[in-house]
Amino acid sequence: MTKYTLAVALLLATFGINASSDADKDALSKRLAPIGQVYVAGAAAASDAAASGPRSGEKVYQTACFACHGTGALDAPKKGDAAWKARIDQGFDTMLKHAIEGIRNMPARGTCADCSDDEIAAAIKFMTDGV
């Protein structure tokens, strides 16, 4: 009889815990809800720019590519530099593939995680223009 009483008590306790856990989850959600918002200067402009369409090759170059391709860091060929000639000889599709997947010191998408393939292609065309 003691085992039966213990089993019933355990069953009732389990249902009680489950019933209270839903209320606890609601209370926890309310306690964890944000009490305010953070305004980051320029964030609205960035989201507006994203909504306006693809960025130009120059814009992508200035925001993502310049750190290496503007300074020659990590042996990156600079914009308009003759070092692009060997890469151009491999073909544009190969350059685009390497830019998207990464190659040697260059990370995938050249650190521009939010760039589309078309924006990466435009940046390559901008950097190799005139070579």
C-alpha atoms as a PDB file:
ATOM      1  CA  MET A   1       0.000   0.000   0.000  1.00  0.00           C
ATOM      2  CA  THR A   2       2.884   2.376   0.735  1.00  0.00           C
ATOM      3  CA  LYS A   3       4.285   1.909  -2.795  1.00  0.00           C
ATOM      4  CA  TYR A   4       0.877   2.699  -4.271  1.00  0.00           C
ATOM      5  CA  THR A   5       0.522   5.865  -2.181  1.00  0.00           C
ATOM      6  CA  LEU A   6       4.054   6.937  -3.108  1.00  0.00           C
ATOM      7  CA  ALA A   7       3.334   6.370  -6.837  1.00  0.00           C
ATOM      8  CA  VAL A   8       0.127   8.444  -6.682  1.00  0.00           C
ATOM      9  CA  ALA A   9       1.902  11.227  -4.800  1.00  0.00           C
ATOM     10  CA  LEU A  10       4.728  11.230  -7.354  1.00  0.00           C
ATOM     11  CA  LEU A  11       2.219  11.361 -10.220  1.00  0.00           C
ATOM     12  CA  LEU A  12       0.351  14.300  -8.686  1.00  0.00           C
ATOM     13  CA  ALA A  13       3.596  16.142  -7.991  1.00  0.00           C
ATOM     14  CA  THR A  14       4.685  15.666 -11.616  1.00  0.00           C
ATOM     15  CA  PHE A  15       1.414  17.134 -12.928  1.00  0.00           C
ATOM     16  CA  GLY A  16       1.731  20.020 -10.475  1.00  0.00           C
ATOM     17  CA  ILE A  17       5.276  20.789 -11.621  1.00  0.00           C
ATOM     18  CA  ASN A  18       4.243  20.724 -15.296  1.00  0.00           C
ATOM     19  CA  ALA A  19       1.262  22.976 -14.647  1.00  0.00           C
ATOM     20  CA  SER A  20       3.373  25.491 -12.788  1.00  0.00           C
ATOM     21  CA  SER A  21       6.189  25.368 -15.342  1.00  0.00           C
ATOM     22  CA  ASP A  22       3.993  27.059 -17.980  1.00  0.00           C
ATOM     23  CA  ALA A  23       3.294  29.897 -15.583  1.00  0.00           C
ATOM     24  CA  ASP A  24       6.991  30.012 -14.703  1.00  0.00           C
ATOM     25  CA  LYS A  25       7.925  30.210 -18.388  1.00  0.00           C
ATOM     26  CA  ASP A  26       5.591  33.167 -18.880  1.00  0.00           C
ATOM     27  CA  ALA A  27       6.983  34.913 -15.820  1.00  0.00           C
ATOM     28  CA  LEU A  28      10.535  34.196 -16.959  1.00  0.00           C
ATOM     29  CA  SER A  29       9.808  35.591 -20.426  1.00  0.00           C
ATOM     30  CA  LYS A  30       8.485  38.788 -18.894  1.00  0.00           C
ATOM     31  CA  ARG A  31      11.559  39.133 -16.666  1.00  0.00           C
ATOM     32  CA  LEU A  32      13.908  38.588 -19.594  1.00  0.00           C
ATOM     33  CA  ALA A  33      12.101  40.915 -21.981  1.00  0.00           C
ATOM     34  CA  PRO A  34      14.158  43.928 -23.040  1.00  0.00           C
ATOM     35  CA  ILE A  35      13.404  47.089 -21.127  1.00  0.00           C
ATOM     36  CA  GLY A  36      14.609  49.402 -23.855  1.00  0.00           C
ATOM     37  CA  GLN A  37      16.283  49.647 -27.212  1.00  0.00           C
ATOM     38  CA  VAL A  38      19.736  50.734 -28.279  1.00  0.00           C
ATOM     39  CA  TYR A  39      20.117  53.265 -31.049  1.00  0.00           C
ATOM     40  CA  VAL A  40      23.277  52.901 -33.099  1.00  0.00           C
ATOM     41  CA  ALA A  41      24.081  55.952 -35.198  1.00  0.00           C
ATOM     42  CA  GLY A  42      24.077  55.044 -38.864  1.00  0.00           C
ATOM     43  CA  ALA A  43      22.264  51.734 -38.397  1.00  0.00           C
ATOM     44  CA  ALA A  44      19.125  53.114 -40.006  1.00  0.00           C
ATOM     45  CA  ALA A  45      21.166  54.404 -42.914  1.00  0.00           C
ATOM     46  CA  ALA A  46      22.778  50.990 -43.361  1.00  0.00           C
ATOM     47  CA  SER A  47      19.434  49.226 -43.433  1.00  0.00           C
ATOM     48  CA  ASP A  48      18.097  51.833 -45.868  1.00  0.00           C
ATOM     49  CA  ALA A  49      21.101  51.246 -48.113  1.00  0.00           C
ATOM     50  CA  ALA A  50      20.520  47.499 -48.063  1.00  0.00           C
ATOM     51  CA  ALA A  51      16.924  48.043 -49.067  1.00  0.00           C
ATOM     52  CA  SER A  52      17.896  50.331 -51.941  1.00  0.00           C
ATOM     53  CA  GLY A  53      19.516  47.547 -53.962  1.00  0.00           C
ATOM     54  CA  PRO A  54      22.948  46.144 -54.653  1.00  0.00           C
ATOM     55  CA  ARG A  55      25.994  48.162 -53.709  1.00  0.00           C
ATOM     56  CA  SER A  56      28.387  49.328 -56.372  1.00  0.00           C
ATOM     57  CA  GLY A  57      31.794  47.735 -56.788  1.00  0.00           C
ATOM     58  CA  GLU A  58      33.387  50.923 -55.484  1.00  0.00           C
ATOM     59  CA  LYS A  59      31.207  50.907 -52.364  1.00  0.00           C
ATOM     60  CA  VAL A  60      32.012  47.247 -51.613  1.00  0.00           C
ATOM     61  CA  TYR A  61      35.703  47.971 -52.196  1.00  0.00           C
ATOM     62  CA  GLN A  62      35.636  50.926 -49.818  1.00  0.00           C
ATOM     63  CA  THR A  63      33.773  49.094 -47.057  1.00  0.00           C
ATOM     64  CA  ALA A  64      35.180  45.563 -47.236  1.00  0.00           C
ATOM     65  CA  CYS A  65      38.093  45.223 -49.641  1.00  0.00           C
ATOM     66  CA  PHE A  66      40.169  48.321 -48.943  1.00  0.00           C
ATOM     67  CA  ALA A  67      41.743  47.038 -45.723  1.00  0.00           C
ATOM     68  CA  CYS A  68      43.811  44.545 -47.724  1.00  0.00           C
ATOM     69  CA  HIS A  69      43.515  45.548 -51.379  1.00  0.00           C
ATOM     70  CA  GLY A  70      44.066  49.234 -50.650  1.00  0.00           C
ATOM     71  CA  THR A  71      47.177  48.660 -48.551  1.00  0.00           C
ATOM     72  CA  GLY A  72      48.612  45.453 -49.992  1.00  0.00           C
ATOM     73  CA  ALA A  73      48.254  43.679 -46.649  1.00  0.00           C
ATOM     74  CA  LEU A  74      48.729  39.902 -46.691  1.00  0.00           C
ATOM     75  CA  ASP A  75      50.075  40.145 -50.260  1.00  0.00           C
ATOM     76  CA  ALA A  76      46.713  41.295 -51.631  1.00  0.00           C
ATOM     77  CA  PRO A  77      47.043  43.009 -55.008  1.00  0.00           C
ATOM     78  CA  LYS A  78      46.175  46.697 -54.810  1.00  0.00           C
ATOM     79  CA  LYS A  79      43.479  48.257 -56.977  1.00  0.00           C
ATOM     80  CA  GLY A  80      44.739  48.726 -60.519  1.00  0.00           C
ATOM     81  CA  ASP A  81      48.074  47.026 -59.725  1.00  0.00           C
ATOM     82  CA  ALA A  82      49.865  44.905 -62.344  1.00  0.00           C
ATOM     83  CA  ALA A  83      49.752  41.989 -59.857  1.00  0.00           C
ATOM     84  CA  TRP A  84      46.163  41.484 -61.014  1.00  0.00           C
ATOM     85  CA  LYS A  85      47.377  40.448 -64.502  1.00  0.00           C
ATOM     86  CA  ALA A  86      48.141  36.836 -63.485  1.00  0.00           C
ATOM     87  CA  ARG A  87      44.760  36.558 -61.801  1.00  0.00           C
ATOM     88  CA  ILE A  88      42.930  38.061 -64.762  1.00  0.00           C
ATOM     89  CA  ASP A  89      44.631  35.506 -67.035  1.00  0.00           C
ATOM     90  CA  GLN A  90      42.927  32.731 -65.014  1.00  0.00           C
ATOM     91  CA  GLY A  91      39.542  34.122 -66.043  1.00  0.00           C
ATOM     92  CA  PHE A  92      36.890  36.152 -64.306  1.00  0.00           C
ATOM     93  CA  ASP A  93      34.898  33.099 -63.185  1.00  0.00           C
ATOM     94  CA  THR A  94      37.956  31.723 -61.379  1.00  0.00           C
ATOM     95  CA  MET A  95      38.599  35.062 -59.674  1.00  0.00           C
ATOM     96  CA  LEU A  96      34.969  35.240 -58.590  1.00  0.00           C
ATOM     97  CA  LYS A  97      35.071  31.664 -57.269  1.00  0.00           C
ATOM     98  CA  HIS A  98      38.221  32.418 -55.273  1.00  0.00           C
ATOM     99  CA  ALA A  99      36.723  35.626 -53.891  1.00  0.00           C
ATOM    100  CA  ILE A 100      33.538  33.859 -52.797  1.00  0.00           C
ATOM    101  CA  GLU A 101      35.208  30.742 -51.348  1.00  0.00           C
ATOM    102  CA  GLY A 102      38.442  32.361 -50.174  1.00  0.00           C
ATOM    103  CA  ILE A 103      41.982  31.551 -51.251  1.00  0.00           C
ATOM    104  CA  ARG A 104      45.353  31.666 -49.490  1.00  0.00           C
ATOM    105  CA  ASN A 105      45.279  34.667 -47.103  1.00  0.00           C
ATOM    106  CA  MET A 106      41.916  35.929 -48.344  1.00  0.00           C
ATOM    107  CA  PRO A 107      38.910  34.802 -46.299  1.00  0.00           C
ATOM    108  CA  ALA A 108      35.652  33.804 -47.945  1.00  0.00           C
ATOM    109  CA  ARG A 109      33.872  36.827 -49.419  1.00  0.00           C
ATOM    110  CA  GLY A 110      36.831  38.949 -48.348  1.00  0.00           C
ATOM    111  CA  THR A 111      35.207  39.653 -44.943  1.00  0.00           C
ATOM    112  CA  CYS A 112      32.007  40.953 -46.574  1.00  0.00           C
ATOM    113  CA  ALA A 113      29.595  38.317 -45.276  1.00  0.00           C
ATOM    114  CA  ASP A 114      26.539  40.304 -46.369  1.00  0.00           C
ATOM    115  CA  CYS A 115      27.757  40.868 -49.938  1.00  0.00           C
ATOM    116  CA  SER A 116      25.892  39.111 -52.722  1.00  0.00           C
ATOM    117  CA  ASP A 117      27.772  37.296 -55.471  1.00  0.00           C
ATOM    118  CA  ASP A 118      26.927  40.176 -57.826  1.00  0.00           C
ATOM    119  CA  GLU A 119      28.387  42.715 -55.384  1.00  0.00           C
ATOM    120  CA  ILE A 120      31.582  40.639 -55.075  1.00  0.00           C
ATOM    121  CA  ALA A 121      31.785  40.508 -58.882  1.00  0.00           C
ATOM    122  CA  ALA A 122      31.319  44.283 -59.078  1.00  0.00           C
ATOM    123  CA  ALA A 123      34.114  44.799 -56.545  1.00  0.00           C
ATOM    124  CA  ILE A 124      36.463  42.588 -58.588  1.00  0.00           C
ATOM    125  CA  LYS A 125      35.636  44.546 -61.739  1.00  0.00           C
ATOM    126  CA  PHE A 126      36.274  47.810 -59.869  1.00  0.00           C
ATOM    127  CA  MET A 127      39.665  46.637 -58.555  1.00  0.00           C
ATOM    128  CA  THR A 128      40.836  45.247 -61.903  1.00  0.00           C
ATOM    129  CA  ASP A 129      39.576  48.134 -64.019  1.00  0.00           C
ATOM    130  CA  GLY A 130      42.400  49.546 -66.102  1.00  0.00           C
ATOM    131  CA  VAL A 131      44.812  46.628 -65.613  1.00  0.00           C
END
